[in-house]
N, C-alpha and C. Protein backbone atom coordinates (compact mmCIF):
# COMPACT_ATOMS: atom_id res chain seq x y z
N MET A 1 53.25 -5.89 -7.95
CA MET A 1 54.00 -7.00 -7.38
C MET A 1 53.27 -8.31 -7.64
N ILE A 2 51.94 -8.29 -7.58
CA ILE A 2 51.17 -9.50 -7.82
C ILE A 2 51.46 -10.04 -9.22
N SER A 3 51.47 -9.17 -10.23
CA SER A 3 51.68 -9.65 -11.59
C SER A 3 53.07 -10.23 -11.76
N SER A 4 54.08 -9.68 -11.08
CA SER A 4 55.42 -10.25 -11.20
C SER A 4 55.49 -11.62 -10.53
N LEU A 5 54.77 -11.79 -9.42
CA LEU A 5 54.74 -13.10 -8.78
C LEU A 5 54.01 -14.11 -9.65
N SER A 6 52.95 -13.68 -10.31
CA SER A 6 52.22 -14.56 -11.20
C SER A 6 53.08 -14.95 -12.38
N ALA A 7 53.85 -14.01 -12.89
CA ALA A 7 54.73 -14.30 -14.03
C ALA A 7 55.80 -15.30 -13.63
N VAL A 8 56.35 -15.14 -12.44
CA VAL A 8 57.38 -16.07 -11.97
C VAL A 8 56.78 -17.46 -11.79
N SER A 9 55.59 -17.53 -11.22
CA SER A 9 54.92 -18.83 -11.04
C SER A 9 54.64 -19.49 -12.38
N ALA A 10 54.16 -18.70 -13.33
CA ALA A 10 53.87 -19.25 -14.66
C ALA A 10 55.14 -19.74 -15.33
N TYR A 11 56.23 -19.01 -15.15
CA TYR A 11 57.50 -19.43 -15.74
C TYR A 11 57.96 -20.73 -15.12
N ASP A 12 57.84 -20.85 -13.79
CA ASP A 12 58.25 -22.09 -13.12
C ASP A 12 57.45 -23.28 -13.61
N LEU A 13 56.14 -23.08 -13.85
CA LEU A 13 55.31 -24.16 -14.35
C LEU A 13 55.64 -24.50 -15.79
N ALA A 14 56.03 -23.51 -16.58
CA ALA A 14 56.32 -23.74 -17.99
C ALA A 14 57.71 -24.30 -18.21
N ARG A 15 58.60 -24.14 -17.29
CA ARG A 15 59.98 -24.59 -17.47
C ARG A 15 60.09 -26.06 -17.85
N PRO A 16 59.39 -27.00 -17.19
CA PRO A 16 59.51 -28.40 -17.60
C PRO A 16 58.97 -28.64 -19.02
N ALA A 17 58.00 -27.86 -19.43
CA ALA A 17 57.41 -28.06 -20.75
C ALA A 17 58.37 -27.66 -21.86
N ILE A 18 59.26 -26.72 -21.59
CA ILE A 18 60.19 -26.29 -22.63
C ILE A 18 61.56 -26.94 -22.48
N ALA A 19 61.69 -27.81 -21.49
CA ALA A 19 62.96 -28.51 -21.30
C ALA A 19 63.13 -29.53 -22.42
N ALA A 20 64.32 -30.10 -22.50
CA ALA A 20 64.60 -31.11 -23.53
C ALA A 20 63.56 -32.22 -23.45
N GLY A 21 62.98 -32.56 -24.56
CA GLY A 21 61.93 -33.59 -24.60
C GLY A 21 60.56 -32.97 -24.64
N GLY A 22 60.36 -31.83 -24.00
CA GLY A 22 59.11 -31.09 -24.07
C GLY A 22 57.94 -31.73 -23.35
N ALA A 23 58.10 -32.90 -22.75
CA ALA A 23 56.98 -33.54 -22.07
C ALA A 23 56.82 -32.95 -20.68
N ARG A 24 55.61 -32.69 -20.32
CA ARG A 24 55.32 -32.14 -19.00
C ARG A 24 55.17 -33.29 -18.02
N PRO A 25 55.88 -33.27 -16.89
CA PRO A 25 55.75 -34.35 -15.92
C PRO A 25 54.32 -34.49 -15.42
N ALA A 26 53.91 -35.71 -15.14
CA ALA A 26 52.54 -35.96 -14.69
C ALA A 26 52.22 -35.23 -13.40
N ALA A 27 53.24 -35.01 -12.56
CA ALA A 27 53.01 -34.32 -11.30
C ALA A 27 52.62 -32.86 -11.52
N LEU A 28 53.02 -32.27 -12.66
CA LEU A 28 52.70 -30.88 -12.93
C LEU A 28 51.46 -30.71 -13.79
N THR A 29 50.88 -31.79 -14.26
CA THR A 29 49.68 -31.71 -15.08
C THR A 29 48.49 -31.43 -14.16
N PRO A 30 47.81 -30.29 -14.36
CA PRO A 30 46.70 -29.97 -13.47
C PRO A 30 45.51 -30.89 -13.66
N LYS A 31 44.87 -31.21 -12.57
CA LYS A 31 43.66 -32.02 -12.60
C LYS A 31 42.46 -31.08 -12.68
N PRO A 32 41.31 -31.55 -13.15
CA PRO A 32 40.14 -30.68 -13.23
C PRO A 32 39.80 -30.08 -11.87
N GLY A 33 39.62 -28.77 -11.83
CA GLY A 33 39.27 -28.08 -10.60
C GLY A 33 40.45 -27.73 -9.72
N GLU A 34 41.62 -28.25 -10.04
CA GLU A 34 42.79 -28.01 -9.20
C GLU A 34 43.21 -26.54 -9.23
N GLY A 35 43.02 -25.88 -10.37
CA GLY A 35 43.39 -24.47 -10.49
C GLY A 35 42.58 -23.61 -9.54
N LEU A 36 41.30 -23.91 -9.41
CA LEU A 36 40.46 -23.14 -8.48
C LEU A 36 40.89 -23.36 -7.05
N LEU A 37 41.26 -24.60 -6.71
CA LEU A 37 41.70 -24.86 -5.35
C LEU A 37 42.98 -24.11 -5.03
N SER A 38 43.92 -24.10 -5.96
CA SER A 38 45.16 -23.39 -5.68
C SER A 38 44.90 -21.88 -5.60
N SER A 39 43.96 -21.37 -6.39
CA SER A 39 43.60 -19.95 -6.29
C SER A 39 43.01 -19.65 -4.92
N GLY A 40 42.17 -20.53 -4.44
CA GLY A 40 41.58 -20.36 -3.11
C GLY A 40 42.63 -20.41 -2.03
N ASP A 41 43.57 -21.32 -2.18
CA ASP A 41 44.65 -21.42 -1.21
C ASP A 41 45.51 -20.16 -1.21
N ARG A 42 45.78 -19.63 -2.41
CA ARG A 42 46.57 -18.40 -2.50
C ARG A 42 45.81 -17.23 -1.87
N PHE A 43 44.49 -17.20 -2.03
CA PHE A 43 43.68 -16.14 -1.43
C PHE A 43 43.75 -16.22 0.10
N LEU A 44 43.62 -17.42 0.63
CA LEU A 44 43.70 -17.59 2.08
C LEU A 44 45.09 -17.22 2.59
N LEU A 45 46.11 -17.53 1.82
CA LEU A 45 47.47 -17.15 2.19
C LEU A 45 47.60 -15.63 2.23
N ALA A 46 46.99 -14.95 1.25
CA ALA A 46 47.04 -13.48 1.21
C ALA A 46 46.33 -12.90 2.43
N LEU A 47 45.20 -13.50 2.82
CA LEU A 47 44.49 -13.02 4.01
C LEU A 47 45.33 -13.21 5.26
N ASP A 48 45.98 -14.36 5.38
CA ASP A 48 46.85 -14.60 6.54
C ASP A 48 48.02 -13.62 6.56
N ARG A 49 48.56 -13.34 5.37
CA ARG A 49 49.71 -12.44 5.28
C ARG A 49 49.31 -11.02 5.70
N VAL A 50 48.12 -10.56 5.26
CA VAL A 50 47.71 -9.21 5.62
C VAL A 50 47.41 -9.13 7.12
N ASP A 51 46.86 -10.19 7.70
CA ASP A 51 46.63 -10.19 9.15
C ASP A 51 47.95 -10.11 9.91
N GLY A 52 48.91 -10.91 9.50
CA GLY A 52 50.22 -10.89 10.15
C GLY A 52 50.91 -9.55 10.02
N THR A 53 50.82 -8.96 8.83
CA THR A 53 51.46 -7.66 8.60
C THR A 53 50.76 -6.57 9.41
N ALA A 54 49.45 -6.64 9.50
CA ALA A 54 48.71 -5.64 10.29
C ALA A 54 49.10 -5.73 11.77
N GLN A 55 49.20 -6.96 12.27
CA GLN A 55 49.61 -7.11 13.67
C GLN A 55 51.04 -6.63 13.88
N ALA A 56 51.90 -6.92 12.92
CA ALA A 56 53.29 -6.48 13.02
C ALA A 56 53.38 -4.96 12.95
N ALA A 57 52.55 -4.34 12.11
CA ALA A 57 52.55 -2.88 12.01
C ALA A 57 52.07 -2.24 13.31
N MET A 58 51.08 -2.87 13.94
CA MET A 58 50.58 -2.33 15.21
C MET A 58 51.61 -2.45 16.32
N SER A 59 52.43 -3.50 16.26
CA SER A 59 53.46 -3.66 17.29
C SER A 59 54.74 -2.91 16.95
N GLY A 60 54.80 -2.34 15.74
CA GLY A 60 55.95 -1.54 15.35
C GLY A 60 57.05 -2.31 14.65
N SER A 61 56.85 -3.59 14.37
CA SER A 61 57.91 -4.37 13.72
C SER A 61 57.77 -4.41 12.20
N ALA A 62 56.73 -3.79 11.65
CA ALA A 62 56.57 -3.70 10.20
C ALA A 62 56.28 -2.25 9.84
N SER A 63 56.77 -1.84 8.68
CA SER A 63 56.56 -0.45 8.27
C SER A 63 55.16 -0.27 7.70
N SER A 64 54.72 0.97 7.67
CA SER A 64 53.41 1.26 7.12
C SER A 64 53.39 0.99 5.61
N GLN A 65 54.54 1.13 4.95
CA GLN A 65 54.61 0.82 3.52
C GLN A 65 54.35 -0.66 3.28
N GLN A 66 54.92 -1.53 4.12
CA GLN A 66 54.67 -2.97 4.00
C GLN A 66 53.19 -3.26 4.18
N LEU A 67 52.58 -2.60 5.14
CA LEU A 67 51.15 -2.82 5.41
C LEU A 67 50.30 -2.40 4.21
N VAL A 68 50.59 -1.22 3.67
CA VAL A 68 49.82 -0.73 2.52
C VAL A 68 50.00 -1.65 1.32
N GLN A 69 51.23 -2.10 1.09
CA GLN A 69 51.50 -2.99 -0.04
C GLN A 69 50.76 -4.32 0.14
N THR A 70 50.77 -4.87 1.33
CA THR A 70 50.09 -6.13 1.59
C THR A 70 48.58 -5.98 1.44
N ILE A 71 48.05 -4.86 1.90
CA ILE A 71 46.61 -4.60 1.75
C ILE A 71 46.24 -4.49 0.28
N ALA A 72 47.08 -3.82 -0.51
CA ALA A 72 46.81 -3.69 -1.95
C ALA A 72 46.85 -5.05 -2.64
N GLU A 73 47.81 -5.89 -2.27
CA GLU A 73 47.90 -7.23 -2.85
C GLU A 73 46.67 -8.06 -2.48
N THR A 74 46.22 -7.93 -1.25
CA THR A 74 45.05 -8.67 -0.80
C THR A 74 43.79 -8.16 -1.50
N GLU A 75 43.73 -6.86 -1.76
CA GLU A 75 42.60 -6.30 -2.48
C GLU A 75 42.51 -6.88 -3.89
N VAL A 76 43.64 -7.01 -4.55
CA VAL A 76 43.66 -7.61 -5.89
C VAL A 76 43.22 -9.07 -5.81
N ALA A 77 43.69 -9.79 -4.80
CA ALA A 77 43.29 -11.19 -4.62
C ALA A 77 41.78 -11.29 -4.38
N LEU A 78 41.24 -10.38 -3.58
CA LEU A 78 39.80 -10.38 -3.30
C LEU A 78 39.00 -10.11 -4.57
N GLU A 79 39.45 -9.14 -5.36
CA GLU A 79 38.75 -8.84 -6.62
C GLU A 79 38.77 -10.05 -7.55
N THR A 80 39.88 -10.79 -7.56
CA THR A 80 39.97 -11.99 -8.39
C THR A 80 39.00 -13.06 -7.92
N VAL A 81 38.93 -13.26 -6.62
CA VAL A 81 38.01 -14.27 -6.07
C VAL A 81 36.56 -13.89 -6.36
N VAL A 82 36.24 -12.62 -6.23
CA VAL A 82 34.87 -12.17 -6.51
C VAL A 82 34.54 -12.36 -7.99
N ALA A 83 35.50 -12.09 -8.87
CA ALA A 83 35.27 -12.29 -10.31
C ALA A 83 35.04 -13.77 -10.62
N ILE A 84 35.81 -14.65 -9.99
CA ILE A 84 35.63 -16.09 -10.19
C ILE A 84 34.26 -16.52 -9.68
N ARG A 85 33.89 -16.02 -8.51
CA ARG A 85 32.57 -16.36 -7.96
C ARG A 85 31.45 -15.90 -8.88
N ASP A 86 31.58 -14.68 -9.42
CA ASP A 86 30.56 -14.17 -10.33
C ASP A 86 30.44 -15.05 -11.57
N ARG A 87 31.57 -15.51 -12.09
CA ARG A 87 31.54 -16.39 -13.27
C ARG A 87 30.87 -17.71 -12.95
N VAL A 88 31.14 -18.26 -11.77
CA VAL A 88 30.52 -19.52 -11.37
C VAL A 88 29.01 -19.34 -11.23
N VAL A 89 28.59 -18.25 -10.63
CA VAL A 89 27.15 -17.98 -10.47
C VAL A 89 26.49 -17.80 -11.82
N GLU A 90 27.15 -17.09 -12.75
CA GLU A 90 26.59 -16.91 -14.10
C GLU A 90 26.45 -18.25 -14.80
N ALA A 91 27.46 -19.11 -14.67
CA ALA A 91 27.40 -20.43 -15.31
C ALA A 91 26.26 -21.26 -14.72
N TYR A 92 26.10 -21.20 -13.41
CA TYR A 92 25.02 -21.93 -12.76
C TYR A 92 23.66 -21.43 -13.23
N GLN A 93 23.51 -20.12 -13.36
CA GLN A 93 22.25 -19.56 -13.82
C GLN A 93 21.97 -19.96 -15.27
N GLU A 94 23.00 -20.04 -16.09
CA GLU A 94 22.84 -20.49 -17.47
C GLU A 94 22.36 -21.93 -17.50
N ILE A 95 22.90 -22.76 -16.63
CA ILE A 95 22.49 -24.16 -16.57
C ILE A 95 21.03 -24.25 -16.16
N LEU A 96 20.61 -23.43 -15.20
CA LEU A 96 19.22 -23.45 -14.76
C LEU A 96 18.26 -23.01 -15.87
N ARG A 97 18.72 -22.15 -16.75
CA ARG A 97 17.88 -21.66 -17.85
C ARG A 97 17.77 -22.64 -19.00
N MET A 98 18.60 -23.65 -19.02
CA MET A 98 18.57 -24.61 -20.13
C MET A 98 17.28 -25.43 -20.11
N PRO A 99 16.69 -25.59 -21.30
CA PRO A 99 15.47 -26.42 -21.33
C PRO A 99 15.83 -27.90 -21.13
N VAL A 100 14.94 -28.57 -20.45
CA VAL A 100 15.20 -29.98 -20.16
C VAL A 100 14.54 -30.88 -21.16
């Protein structure tokens, strides 16, 4: 489900670029570091969603399938955040190793 949501998001972002004229509106042009912030926001949203689903499952208003699916989506989001963090740490360590 995560990959289909990502594909839909990517399509929505690409739609203005392939429209007549092909110019991407300035509002959709990402600024440096903006991608990481939106990834962080999506991760926090996933955490909030899994908390809400867990509470709903405990009260009986959500099915166990919904809970398992939400937990799996959050696990993928967590793995992505950890991979990004590892890359940032590796880049920082490379900078520290550079001769001055």
